[in-house]
Amino acid sequence: MLEHEYDVFETLPDGSVRWHVSVLGIQPALAKLQGISKQTTNECFAIHIDTKAIIGTVQARSLAG
């Protein structure tokens, strides 16, 4: 089975996006998305660049417990 490459981004408060990483496979991409989202209060998302399909998002949140 062919694994696709996905990219994980963070949406910054000014509306720009910051690329974090490229990951091979949907499950590893979603795991990386979750990990990155725990380190920021900004929205994060994972996308298949070729098709522009967003495979997951994590909404902006507070880091306070």
PDB file of N, CA and C in Angstrom:
ATOM      1  N   MET A   1       0.833  -1.183   0.000  1.00  0.00           N
ATOM      2  CA  MET A   1       0.000   0.000   0.000  1.00  0.00           C
ATOM      3  C   MET A   1       0.879   1.249   0.000  1.00  0.00           C
ATOM      4  N   LEU A   2       0.536   2.192  -0.828  1.00  0.00           N
ATOM      5  CA  LEU A   2       1.289   3.435  -0.940  1.00  0.00           C
ATOM      6  C   LEU A   2       0.944   4.379   0.209  1.00  0.00           C
ATOM      7  N   GLU A   3       1.953   4.799   0.942  1.00  0.00           N
ATOM      8  CA  GLU A   3       1.763   5.767   2.029  1.00  0.00           C
ATOM      9  C   GLU A   3       1.914   7.173   1.457  1.00  0.00           C
ATOM     10  N   HIS A   4       1.025   8.058   1.847  1.00  0.00           N
ATOM     11  CA  HIS A   4       1.098   9.444   1.403  1.00  0.00           C
ATOM     12  C   HIS A   4       1.874  10.276   2.415  1.00  0.00           C
ATOM     13  N   GLU A   5       2.402  11.380   1.948  1.00  0.00           N
ATOM     14  CA  GLU A   5       3.122  12.308   2.809  1.00  0.00           C
ATOM     15  C   GLU A   5       2.172  13.422   3.241  1.00  0.00           C
ATOM     16  N   TYR A   6       2.220  13.751   4.522  1.00  0.00           N
ATOM     17  CA  TYR A   6       1.378  14.790   5.091  1.00  0.00           C
ATOM     18  C   TYR A   6       2.271  15.822   5.773  1.00  0.00           C
ATOM     19  N   ASP A   7       1.801  17.056   5.812  1.00  0.00           N
ATOM     20  CA  ASP A   7       2.532  18.131   6.471  1.00  0.00           C
ATOM     21  C   ASP A   7       1.704  18.656   7.628  1.00  0.00           C
ATOM     22  N   VAL A   8       2.386  19.009   8.716  1.00  0.00           N
ATOM     23  CA  VAL A   8       1.725  19.531   9.900  1.00  0.00           C
ATOM     24  C   VAL A   8       2.098  21.006  10.040  1.00  0.00           C
ATOM     25  N   PHE A   9       1.072  21.831  10.228  1.00  0.00           N
ATOM     26  CA  PHE A   9       1.228  23.280  10.327  1.00  0.00           C
ATOM     27  C   PHE A   9       0.579  23.798  11.599  1.00  0.00           C
ATOM     28  N   GLU A  10       1.008  24.983  12.005  1.00  0.00           N
ATOM     29  CA  GLU A  10       0.422  25.721  13.122  1.00  0.00           C
ATOM     30  C   GLU A  10      -0.041  27.067  12.582  1.00  0.00           C
ATOM     31  N   THR A  11      -1.268  27.461  12.920  1.00  0.00           N
ATOM     32  CA  THR A  11      -1.783  28.779  12.525  1.00  0.00           C
ATOM     33  C   THR A  11      -1.429  29.774  13.620  1.00  0.00           C
ATOM     34  N   LEU A  12      -0.662  30.788  13.277  1.00  0.00           N
ATOM     35  CA  LEU A  12      -0.210  31.788  14.244  1.00  0.00           C
ATOM     36  C   LEU A  12      -1.283  32.854  14.452  1.00  0.00           C
ATOM     37  N   PRO A  13      -1.206  33.608  15.553  1.00  0.00           N
ATOM     38  CA  PRO A  13      -2.229  34.622  15.852  1.00  0.00           C
ATOM     39  C   PRO A  13      -2.444  35.661  14.744  1.00  0.00           C
ATOM     40  N   ASP A  14      -1.409  35.941  13.948  1.00  0.00           N
ATOM     41  CA  ASP A  14      -1.559  36.932  12.872  1.00  0.00           C
ATOM     42  C   ASP A  14      -2.164  36.324  11.603  1.00  0.00           C
ATOM     43  N   GLY A  15      -2.519  35.026  11.651  1.00  0.00           N
ATOM     44  CA  GLY A  15      -3.138  34.373  10.499  1.00  0.00           C
ATOM     45  C   GLY A  15      -2.151  33.651   9.592  1.00  0.00           C
ATOM     46  N   SER A  16      -0.868  33.871   9.792  1.00  0.00           N
ATOM     47  CA  SER A  16       0.127  33.151   8.993  1.00  0.00           C
ATOM     48  C   SER A  16       0.252  31.722   9.521  1.00  0.00           C
ATOM     49  N   VAL A  17       0.885  30.868   8.742  1.00  0.00           N
ATOM     50  CA  VAL A  17       1.062  29.485   9.172  1.00  0.00           C
ATOM     51  C   VAL A  17       2.538  29.140   9.267  1.00  0.00           C
ATOM     52  N   ARG A  18       2.850  28.270  10.212  1.00  0.00           N
ATOM     53  CA  ARG A  18       4.226  27.801  10.411  1.00  0.00           C
ATOM     54  C   ARG A  18       4.242  26.303  10.137  1.00  0.00           C
ATOM     55  N   TRP A  19       5.106  25.887   9.216  1.00  0.00           N
ATOM     56  CA  TRP A  19       5.280  24.470   8.926  1.00  0.00           C
ATOM     57  C   TRP A  19       6.105  23.847  10.038  1.00  0.00           C
ATOM     58  N   HIS A  20       5.711  22.647  10.458  1.00  0.00           N
ATOM     59  CA  HIS A  20       6.474  21.946  11.492  1.00  0.00           C
ATOM     60  C   HIS A  20       7.210  20.731  10.956  1.00  0.00           C
ATOM     61  N   VAL A  21       6.520  19.878  10.188  1.00  0.00           N
ATOM     62  CA  VAL A  21       7.137  18.612   9.809  1.00  0.00           C
ATOM     63  C   VAL A  21       6.352  17.947   8.684  1.00  0.00           C
ATOM     64  N   SER A  22       7.040  17.133   7.897  1.00  0.00           N
ATOM     65  CA  SER A  22       6.406  16.233   6.929  1.00  0.00           C
ATOM     66  C   SER A  22       6.481  14.827   7.499  1.00  0.00           C
ATOM     67  N   VAL A  23       5.388  14.071   7.346  1.00  0.00           N
ATOM     68  CA  VAL A  23       5.295  12.737   7.923  1.00  0.00           C
ATOM     69  C   VAL A  23       4.732  11.790   6.876  1.00  0.00           C
ATOM     70  N   LEU A  24       5.270  10.588   6.816  1.00  0.00           N
ATOM     71  CA  LEU A  24       4.788   9.576   5.894  1.00  0.00           C
ATOM     72  C   LEU A  24       3.734   8.719   6.594  1.00  0.00           C
ATOM     73  N   GLY A  25       2.506   8.719   6.074  1.00  0.00           N
ATOM     74  CA  GLY A  25       1.417   7.910   6.627  1.00  0.00           C
ATOM     75  C   GLY A  25       0.446   8.735   7.448  1.00  0.00           C
ATOM     76  N   ILE A  26      -0.823   8.378   7.351  1.00  0.00           N
ATOM     77  CA  ILE A  26      -1.861   9.163   8.014  1.00  0.00           C
ATOM     78  C   ILE A  26      -1.809   9.028   9.542  1.00  0.00           C
ATOM     79  N   GLN A  27      -1.638   7.825  10.048  1.00  0.00           N
ATOM     80  CA  GLN A  27      -1.606   7.652  11.507  1.00  0.00           C
ATOM     81  C   GLN A  27      -0.395   8.346  12.145  1.00  0.00           C
ATOM     82  N   PRO A  28       0.799   8.201  11.598  1.00  0.00           N
ATOM     83  CA  PRO A  28       1.933   8.954  12.156  1.00  0.00           C
ATOM     84  C   PRO A  28       1.729  10.478  12.061  1.00  0.00           C
ATOM     85  N   ALA A  29       1.079  10.940  10.999  1.00  0.00           N
ATOM     86  CA  ALA A  29       0.813  12.376  10.853  1.00  0.00           C
ATOM     87  C   ALA A  29      -0.143  12.867  11.933  1.00  0.00           C
ATOM     88  N   LEU A  30      -1.189  12.086  12.197  1.00  0.00           N
ATOM     89  CA  LEU A  30      -2.146  12.478  13.234  1.00  0.00           C
ATOM     90  C   LEU A  30      -1.501  12.443  14.618  1.00  0.00           C
ATOM     91  N   ALA A  31      -0.611  11.488  14.849  1.00  0.00           N
ATOM     92  CA  ALA A  31       0.098  11.429  16.126  1.00  0.00           C
ATOM     93  C   ALA A  31       1.013  12.632  16.290  1.00  0.00           C
ATOM     94  N   LYS A  32       1.716  13.005  15.224  1.00  0.00           N
ATOM     95  CA  LYS A  32       2.593  14.177  15.278  1.00  0.00           C
ATOM     96  C   LYS A  32       1.776  15.445  15.498  1.00  0.00           C
ATOM     97  N   LEU A  33       0.617  15.542  14.842  1.00  0.00           N
ATOM     98  CA  LEU A  33      -0.290  16.681  15.032  1.00  0.00           C
ATOM     99  C   LEU A  33      -0.670  16.811  16.501  1.00  0.00           C
ATOM    100  N   GLN A  34      -1.045  15.718  17.128  1.00  0.00           N
ATOM    101  CA  GLN A  34      -1.410  15.754  18.548  1.00  0.00           C
ATOM    102  C   GLN A  34      -0.237  16.204  19.406  1.00  0.00           C
ATOM    103  N   GLY A  35       0.933  15.687  19.118  1.00  0.00           N
ATOM    104  CA  GLY A  35       2.110  16.064  19.892  1.00  0.00           C
ATOM    105  C   GLY A  35       2.448  17.540  19.776  1.00  0.00           C
ATOM    106  N   ILE A  36       2.408  18.057  18.573  1.00  0.00           N
ATOM    107  CA  ILE A  36       2.707  19.480  18.359  1.00  0.00           C
ATOM    108  C   ILE A  36       1.651  20.354  19.010  1.00  0.00           C
ATOM    109  N   SER A  37       0.395  19.936  18.931  1.00  0.00           N
ATOM    110  CA  SER A  37      -0.690  20.753  19.486  1.00  0.00           C
ATOM    111  C   SER A  37      -0.589  20.886  21.007  1.00  0.00           C
ATOM    112  N   LYS A  38       0.076  19.956  21.663  1.00  0.00           N
ATOM    113  CA  LYS A  38       0.243  20.023  23.119  1.00  0.00           C
ATOM    114  C   LYS A  38       1.289  21.049  23.534  1.00  0.00           C
ATOM    115  N   GLN A  39       2.042  21.571  22.563  1.00  0.00           N
ATOM    116  CA  GLN A  39       3.113  22.521  22.856  1.00  0.00           C
ATOM    117  C   GLN A  39       2.743  23.961  22.510  1.00  0.00           C
ATOM    118  N   THR A  40       1.488  24.194  22.086  1.00  0.00           N
ATOM    119  CA  THR A  40       1.075  25.531  21.669  1.00  0.00           C
ATOM    120  C   THR A  40      -0.386  25.757  22.001  1.00  0.00           C
ATOM    121  N   THR A  41      -0.769  27.012  22.059  1.00  0.00           N
ATOM    122  CA  THR A  41      -2.183  27.345  22.234  1.00  0.00           C
ATOM    123  C   THR A  41      -2.842  27.640  20.893  1.00  0.00           C
ATOM    124  N   ASN A  42      -2.076  27.601  19.808  1.00  0.00           N
ATOM    125  CA  ASN A  42      -2.601  27.918  18.480  1.00  0.00           C
ATOM    126  C   ASN A  42      -3.238  26.699  17.822  1.00  0.00           C
ATOM    127  N   GLU A  43      -4.106  26.947  16.847  1.00  0.00           N
ATOM    128  CA  GLU A  43      -4.694  25.867  16.066  1.00  0.00           C
ATOM    129  C   GLU A  43      -3.602  25.199  15.238  1.00  0.00           C
ATOM    130  N   CYS A  44      -3.677  23.883  15.110  1.00  0.00           N
ATOM    131  CA  CYS A  44      -2.751  23.115  14.294  1.00  0.00           C
ATOM    132  C   CYS A  44      -3.544  22.228  13.348  1.00  0.00           C
ATOM    133  N   PHE A  45      -2.946  21.893  12.211  1.00  0.00           N
ATOM    134  CA  PHE A  45      -3.625  21.019  11.268  1.00  0.00           C
ATOM    135  C   PHE A  45      -2.620  20.209  10.467  1.00  0.00           C
ATOM    136  N   ALA A  46      -3.098  19.061   9.981  1.00  0.00           N
ATOM    137  CA  ALA A  46      -2.305  18.191   9.114  1.00  0.00           C
ATOM    138  C   ALA A  46      -2.997  18.121   7.765  1.00  0.00           C
ATOM    139  N   ILE A  47      -2.217  18.195   6.701  1.00  0.00           N
ATOM    140  CA  ILE A  47      -2.780  18.295   5.358  1.00  0.00           C
ATOM    141  C   ILE A  47      -1.965  17.460   4.367  1.00  0.00           C
ATOM    142  N   HIS A  48      -2.665  16.901   3.396  1.00  0.00           N
ATOM    143  CA  HIS A  48      -2.020  16.245   2.258  1.00  0.00           C
ATOM    144  C   HIS A  48      -1.864  17.344   1.213  1.00  0.00           C
ATOM    145  N   ILE A  49      -0.663  17.825   1.015  1.00  0.00           N
ATOM    146  CA  ILE A  49      -0.412  19.003   0.179  1.00  0.00           C
ATOM    147  C   ILE A  49      -0.898  18.810  -1.259  1.00  0.00           C
ATOM    148  N   ASP A  50      -0.672  17.641  -1.833  1.00  0.00           N
ATOM    149  CA  ASP A  50      -1.047  17.426  -3.233  1.00  0.00           C
ATOM    150  C   ASP A  50      -2.534  17.609  -3.490  1.00  0.00           C
ATOM    151  N   THR A  51      -3.370  17.146  -2.560  1.00  0.00           N
ATOM    152  CA  THR A  51      -4.827  17.232  -2.746  1.00  0.00           C
ATOM    153  C   THR A  51      -5.462  18.359  -1.943  1.00  0.00           C
ATOM    154  N   LYS A  52      -4.701  18.983  -1.065  1.00  0.00           N
ATOM    155  CA  LYS A  52      -5.190  20.032  -0.156  1.00  0.00           C
ATOM    156  C   LYS A  52      -6.199  19.492   0.857  1.00  0.00           C
ATOM    157  N   ALA A  53      -6.202  18.180   1.059  1.00  0.00           N
ATOM    158  CA  ALA A  53      -7.128  17.552   2.003  1.00  0.00           C
ATOM    159  C   ALA A  53      -6.578  17.664   3.421  1.00  0.00           C
ATOM    160  N   ILE A  54      -7.347  18.304   4.292  1.00  0.00           N
ATOM    161  CA  ILE A  54      -6.975  18.404   5.705  1.00  0.00           C
ATOM    162  C   ILE A  54      -7.439  17.121   6.382  1.00  0.00           C
ATOM    163  N   ILE A  55      -6.504  16.415   7.011  1.00  0.00           N
ATOM    164  CA  ILE A  55      -6.847  15.139   7.626  1.00  0.00           C
ATOM    165  C   ILE A  55      -7.095  15.250   9.121  1.00  0.00           C
ATOM    166  N   GLY A  56      -6.754  16.393   9.718  1.00  0.00           N
ATOM    167  CA  GLY A  56      -6.997  16.590  11.140  1.00  0.00           C
ATOM    168  C   GLY A  56      -6.685  18.002  11.565  1.00  0.00           C
ATOM    169  N   THR A  57      -7.431  18.472  12.560  1.00  0.00           N
ATOM    170  CA  THR A  57      -7.177  19.788  13.146  1.00  0.00           C
ATOM    171  C   THR A  57      -7.282  19.688  14.662  1.00  0.00           C
ATOM    172  N   VAL A  58      -6.561  20.555  15.332  1.00  0.00           N
ATOM    173  CA  VAL A  58      -6.689  20.721  16.770  1.00  0.00           C
ATOM    174  C   VAL A  58      -6.894  22.205  16.989  1.00  0.00           C
ATOM    175  N   GLN A  59      -8.017  22.546  17.604  1.00  0.00           N
ATOM    176  CA  GLN A  59      -8.393  23.946  17.786  1.00  0.00           C
ATOM    177  C   GLN A  59      -7.507  24.625  18.828  1.00  0.00           C
ATOM    178  N   ALA A  60      -7.453  25.960  18.740  1.00  0.00           N
ATOM    179  CA  ALA A  60      -6.712  26.762  19.693  1.00  0.00           C
ATOM    180  C   ALA A  60      -7.249  26.480  21.090  1.00  0.00           C
ATOM    181  N   ARG A  61      -6.357  26.471  22.062  1.00  0.00           N
ATOM    182  CA  ARG A  61      -6.761  26.172  23.424  1.00  0.00           C
ATOM    183  C   ARG A  61      -5.813  26.855  24.405  1.00  0.00           C
ATOM    184  N   SER A  62      -6.139  26.776  25.659  1.00  0.00           N
ATOM    185  CA  SER A  62      -5.283  27.314  26.705  1.00  0.00           C
ATOM    186  C   SER A  62      -4.327  26.234  27.180  1.00  0.00           C
ATOM    187  N   LEU A  63      -3.093  26.595  27.475  1.00  0.00           N
ATOM    188  CA  LEU A  63      -2.134  25.640  28.029  1.00  0.00           C
ATOM    189  C   LEU A  63      -2.333  25.472  29.533  1.00  0.00           C
ATOM    190  N   ALA A  64      -3.110  26.346  30.145  1.00  0.00           N
ATOM    191  CA  ALA A  64      -3.358  26.238  31.597  1.00  0.00           C
ATOM    192  C   ALA A  64      -4.121  24.956  31.892  1.00  0.00           C
ATOM    193  N   GLY A  65      -3.695  24.239  32.911  1.00  0.00           N
ATOM    194  CA  GLY A  65      -4.229  22.951  33.281  1.00  0.00           C
ATOM    195  C   GLY A  65      -5.683  22.936  33.468  1.00  0.00           C
TER     196      GLY A  65
END
